[in-house]
C-alpha atoms as a PDB file:
ATOM      1  CA  MET A   1     -23.405 -55.740 -14.802  1.00  0.00           C
ATOM      2  CA  ASN A   2     -23.082 -52.001 -15.604  1.00  0.00           C
ATOM      3  CA  ARG A   3     -24.641 -51.042 -12.278  1.00  0.00           C
ATOM      4  CA  VAL A   4     -22.148 -53.200 -10.371  1.00  0.00           C
ATOM      5  CA  PHE A   5     -19.249 -51.647 -12.298  1.00  0.00           C
ATOM      6  CA  ALA A   6     -20.598 -48.143 -11.669  1.00  0.00           C
ATOM      7  CA  CYS A   7     -20.949 -48.900  -7.957  1.00  0.00           C
ATOM      8  CA  ALA A   8     -17.361 -50.078  -7.794  1.00  0.00           C
ATOM      9  CA  LEU A   9     -16.202 -46.885  -9.497  1.00  0.00           C
ATOM     10  CA  LEU A  10     -18.210 -44.681  -7.184  1.00  0.00           C
ATOM     11  CA  GLY A  11     -16.681 -46.336  -4.151  1.00  0.00           C
ATOM     12  CA  GLY A  12     -19.875 -46.082  -2.144  1.00  0.00           C
ATOM     13  CA  VAL A  13     -20.704 -42.475  -3.027  1.00  0.00           C
ATOM     14  CA  ILE A  14     -24.421 -41.838  -2.907  1.00  0.00           C
ATOM     15  CA  LEU A  15     -25.799 -39.610  -5.674  1.00  0.00           C
ATOM     16  CA  ALA A  16     -29.141 -37.813  -5.439  1.00  0.00           C
ATOM     17  CA  GLY A  17     -30.387 -40.159  -2.750  1.00  0.00           C
ATOM     18  CA  ALA A  18     -30.014 -43.248  -4.917  1.00  0.00           C
ATOM     19  CA  THR A  19     -27.866 -46.120  -3.827  1.00  0.00           C
ATOM     20  CA  CYS A  20     -26.311 -48.791  -5.968  1.00  0.00           C
ATOM     21  CA  GLY A  21     -28.828 -51.473  -6.713  1.00  0.00           C
ATOM     22  CA  ASP A  22     -31.949 -49.318  -6.326  1.00  0.00           C
ATOM     23  CA  PRO A  23     -34.317 -49.972  -9.219  1.00  0.00           C
ATOM     24  CA  THR A  24     -34.718 -47.058 -11.618  1.00  0.00           C
ATOM     25  CA  HIS A  25     -36.129 -46.240 -15.032  1.00  0.00           C
ATOM     26  CA  SER A  26     -34.748 -43.822 -17.602  1.00  0.00           C
ATOM     27  CA  ILE A  27     -37.390 -41.330 -18.688  1.00  0.00           C
ATOM     28  CA  THR A  28     -37.049 -39.170 -21.791  1.00  0.00           C
ATOM     29  CA  ILE A  29     -38.764 -35.793 -21.482  1.00  0.00           C
ATOM     30  CA  HIS A  30     -39.209 -33.789 -24.685  1.00  0.00           C
ATOM     31  CA  ASN A  31     -40.289 -30.155 -25.002  1.00  0.00           C
ATOM     32  CA  GLY A  32     -42.829 -30.337 -27.809  1.00  0.00           C
ATOM     33  CA  LEU A  33     -43.824 -26.704 -27.341  1.00  0.00           C
ATOM     34  CA  GLN A  34     -42.638 -23.800 -29.457  1.00  0.00           C
ATOM     35  CA  VAL A  35     -41.385 -21.913 -26.391  1.00  0.00           C
ATOM     36  CA  PRO A  36     -38.626 -22.496 -23.824  1.00  0.00           C
ATOM     37  CA  ILE A  37     -39.832 -24.063 -20.594  1.00  0.00           C
ATOM     38  CA  THR A  38     -38.694 -24.875 -17.099  1.00  0.00           C
ATOM     39  CA  GLU A  39     -39.519 -28.503 -16.328  1.00  0.00           C
ATOM     40  CA  TYR A  40     -40.078 -29.606 -12.715  1.00  0.00           C
ATOM     41  CA  SER A  41     -39.690 -33.364 -12.417  1.00  0.00           C
ATOM     42  CA  TYR A  42     -41.159 -33.438  -8.886  1.00  0.00           C
ATOM     43  CA  GLY A  43     -43.741 -30.753  -9.537  1.00  0.00           C
ATOM     44  CA  ARG A  44     -43.347 -27.071  -8.719  1.00  0.00           C
ATOM     45  CA  ARG A  45     -43.853 -27.730  -4.997  1.00  0.00           C
ATOM     46  CA  ASP A  46     -40.294 -29.113  -4.948  1.00  0.00           C
ATOM     47  CA  SER A  47     -38.622 -26.541  -7.160  1.00  0.00           C
ATOM     48  CA  SER A  48     -35.109 -27.743  -6.350  1.00  0.00           C
ATOM     49  CA  TYR A  49     -35.358 -30.257  -9.222  1.00  0.00           C
ATOM     50  CA  PHE A  50     -35.781 -28.386 -12.482  1.00  0.00           C
ATOM     51  CA  GLU A  51     -34.302 -28.201 -15.958  1.00  0.00           C
ATOM     52  CA  HIS A  52     -34.579 -25.547 -18.668  1.00  0.00           C
ATOM     53  CA  LEU A  53     -35.553 -26.949 -22.051  1.00  0.00           C
ATOM     54  CA  SER A  54     -35.460 -25.106 -25.356  1.00  0.00           C
ATOM     55  CA  PRO A  55     -38.173 -25.894 -27.906  1.00  0.00           C
ATOM     56  CA  GLY A  56     -37.655 -29.312 -29.501  1.00  0.00           C
ATOM     57  CA  THR A  57     -35.028 -30.497 -27.018  1.00  0.00           C
ATOM     58  CA  SER A  58     -35.065 -33.619 -24.849  1.00  0.00           C
ATOM     59  CA  ILE A  59     -33.471 -34.729 -21.602  1.00  0.00           C
ATOM     60  CA  VAL A  60     -33.129 -38.135 -19.997  1.00  0.00           C
ATOM     61  CA  GLN A  61     -33.793 -38.441 -16.287  1.00  0.00           C
ATOM     62  CA  THR A  62     -33.577 -41.367 -13.887  1.00  0.00           C
ATOM     63  CA  TRP A  63     -36.774 -41.911 -11.925  1.00  0.00           C
ATOM     64  CA  MET A  64     -36.933 -44.151  -8.873  1.00  0.00           C
ATOM     65  CA  TYR A  65     -40.739 -44.270  -8.877  1.00  0.00           C
ATOM     66  CA  PRO A  66     -43.171 -45.441 -10.048  1.00  0.00           C
ATOM     67  CA  ILE A  67     -41.069 -48.528 -10.617  1.00  0.00           C
ATOM     68  CA  SER A  68     -43.312 -51.582 -11.012  1.00  0.00           C
ATOM     69  CA  PRO A  69     -46.892 -52.595 -11.803  1.00  0.00           C
ATOM     70  CA  ASP A  70     -47.733 -52.880  -8.094  1.00  0.00           C
ATOM     71  CA  ASP A  71     -46.281 -49.421  -7.276  1.00  0.00           C
ATOM     72  CA  SER A  72     -49.272 -47.118  -6.794  1.00  0.00           C
ATOM     73  CA  ARG A  73     -47.192 -43.936  -6.450  1.00  0.00           C
ATOM     74  CA  THR A  74     -47.422 -41.246  -9.109  1.00  0.00           C
ATOM     75  CA  ARG A  75     -44.906 -38.680 -10.229  1.00  0.00           C
ATOM     76  CA  ARG A  76     -46.042 -35.136 -11.028  1.00  0.00           C
ATOM     77  CA  LEU A  77     -44.349 -33.408 -13.942  1.00  0.00           C
ATOM     78  CA  GLU A  78     -44.989 -29.701 -14.395  1.00  0.00           C
ATOM     79  CA  ALA A  79     -43.605 -27.059 -16.732  1.00  0.00           C
ATOM     80  CA  ASP A  80     -43.684 -23.254 -16.816  1.00  0.00           C
ATOM     81  CA  ASN A  81     -43.069 -20.888 -19.692  1.00  0.00           C
ATOM     82  CA  LEU A  82     -40.594 -18.007 -19.359  1.00  0.00           C
ATOM     83  CA  SER A  83     -43.287 -15.847 -17.727  1.00  0.00           C
ATOM     84  CA  GLY A  84     -43.773 -18.447 -15.006  1.00  0.00           C
ATOM     85  CA  ALA A  85     -47.216 -19.518 -16.209  1.00  0.00           C
ATOM     86  CA  LEU A  86     -48.019 -23.210 -15.881  1.00  0.00           C
ATOM     87  CA  VAL A  87     -48.135 -24.769 -19.364  1.00  0.00           C
ATOM     88  CA  PHE A  88     -48.069 -28.487 -18.486  1.00  0.00           C
ATOM     89  CA  CYS A  89     -49.094 -30.578 -15.505  1.00  0.00           C
ATOM     90  CA  LYS A  90     -49.685 -34.303 -15.350  1.00  0.00           C
ATOM     91  CA  ASP A  91     -49.417 -37.072 -12.782  1.00  0.00           C
ATOM     92  CA  PHE A  92     -47.799 -40.223 -14.173  1.00  0.00           C
ATOM     93  CA  GLY A  93     -48.343 -43.696 -12.777  1.00  0.00           C
ATOM     94  CA  TYR A  94     -46.510 -46.847 -13.817  1.00  0.00           C
ATOM     95  CA  GLN A  95     -49.115 -47.851 -16.416  1.00  0.00           C
ATOM     96  CA  ASP A  96     -49.008 -44.342 -17.932  1.00  0.00           C
ATOM     97  CA  LEU A  97     -45.240 -44.591 -18.363  1.00  0.00           C
ATOM     98  CA  ILE A  98     -45.472 -48.094 -19.856  1.00  0.00           C
ATOM     99  CA  ARG A  99     -48.082 -46.832 -22.348  1.00  0.00           C
ATOM    100  CA  LEU A 100     -45.803 -43.911 -23.271  1.00  0.00           C
ATOM    101  CA  ASN A 101     -42.769 -46.211 -23.592  1.00  0.00           C
ATOM    102  CA  TRP A 102     -41.013 -44.146 -20.892  1.00  0.00           C
ATOM    103  CA  LYS A 103     -41.109 -41.028 -23.120  1.00  0.00           C
ATOM    104  CA  ILE A 104     -43.039 -37.920 -22.079  1.00  0.00           C
ATOM    105  CA  GLU A 105     -43.863 -35.226 -24.602  1.00  0.00           C
ATOM    106  CA  ILE A 106     -44.584 -31.851 -23.032  1.00  0.00           C
ATOM    107  CA  THR A 107     -47.326 -30.310 -25.151  1.00  0.00           C
ATOM    108  CA  SER A 108     -50.104 -27.838 -24.627  1.00  0.00           C
ATOM    109  CA  GLY A 109     -53.610 -28.997 -23.936  1.00  0.00           C
ATOM    110  CA  PHE A 110     -52.912 -30.928 -20.742  1.00  0.00           C
ATOM    111  CA  GLY A 111     -55.294 -29.860 -17.998  1.00  0.00           C
ATOM    112  CA  GLN A 112     -54.292 -28.546 -14.651  1.00  0.00           C
ATOM    113  CA  CYS A 113     -53.374 -31.123 -12.053  1.00  0.00           C
ATOM    114  CA  PRO A 114     -55.766 -31.418  -9.136  1.00  0.00           C
ATOM    115  CA  SER A 115     -54.826 -29.400  -6.071  1.00  0.00           C
ATOM    116  CA  ASN A 116     -53.250 -31.304  -3.205  1.00  0.00           C
END
């Protein structure tokens, strides 16, 4: 019901490539580090999507994938510290996000993502 109302208000405007009715999930991303970070929700290869997060702060993003149990796509989340050094990198599939209850905690100790 809310999505239909929002679509009516937007009058057909398309935001960030999403159209009304596309399935999405809200993802909470929390900076659990003691330092400010820059979070890249599509990985650093696509640096046009980033957010700065102070220590202990959270943001909520809308992800269009992975969206269902049969969706094999993964989403790479990376974060840099203020010096630009990679401090977090992980690929998330649907089952990962279900297990995490759609909440990602950026902490140290996550290994480097494999090279593409």
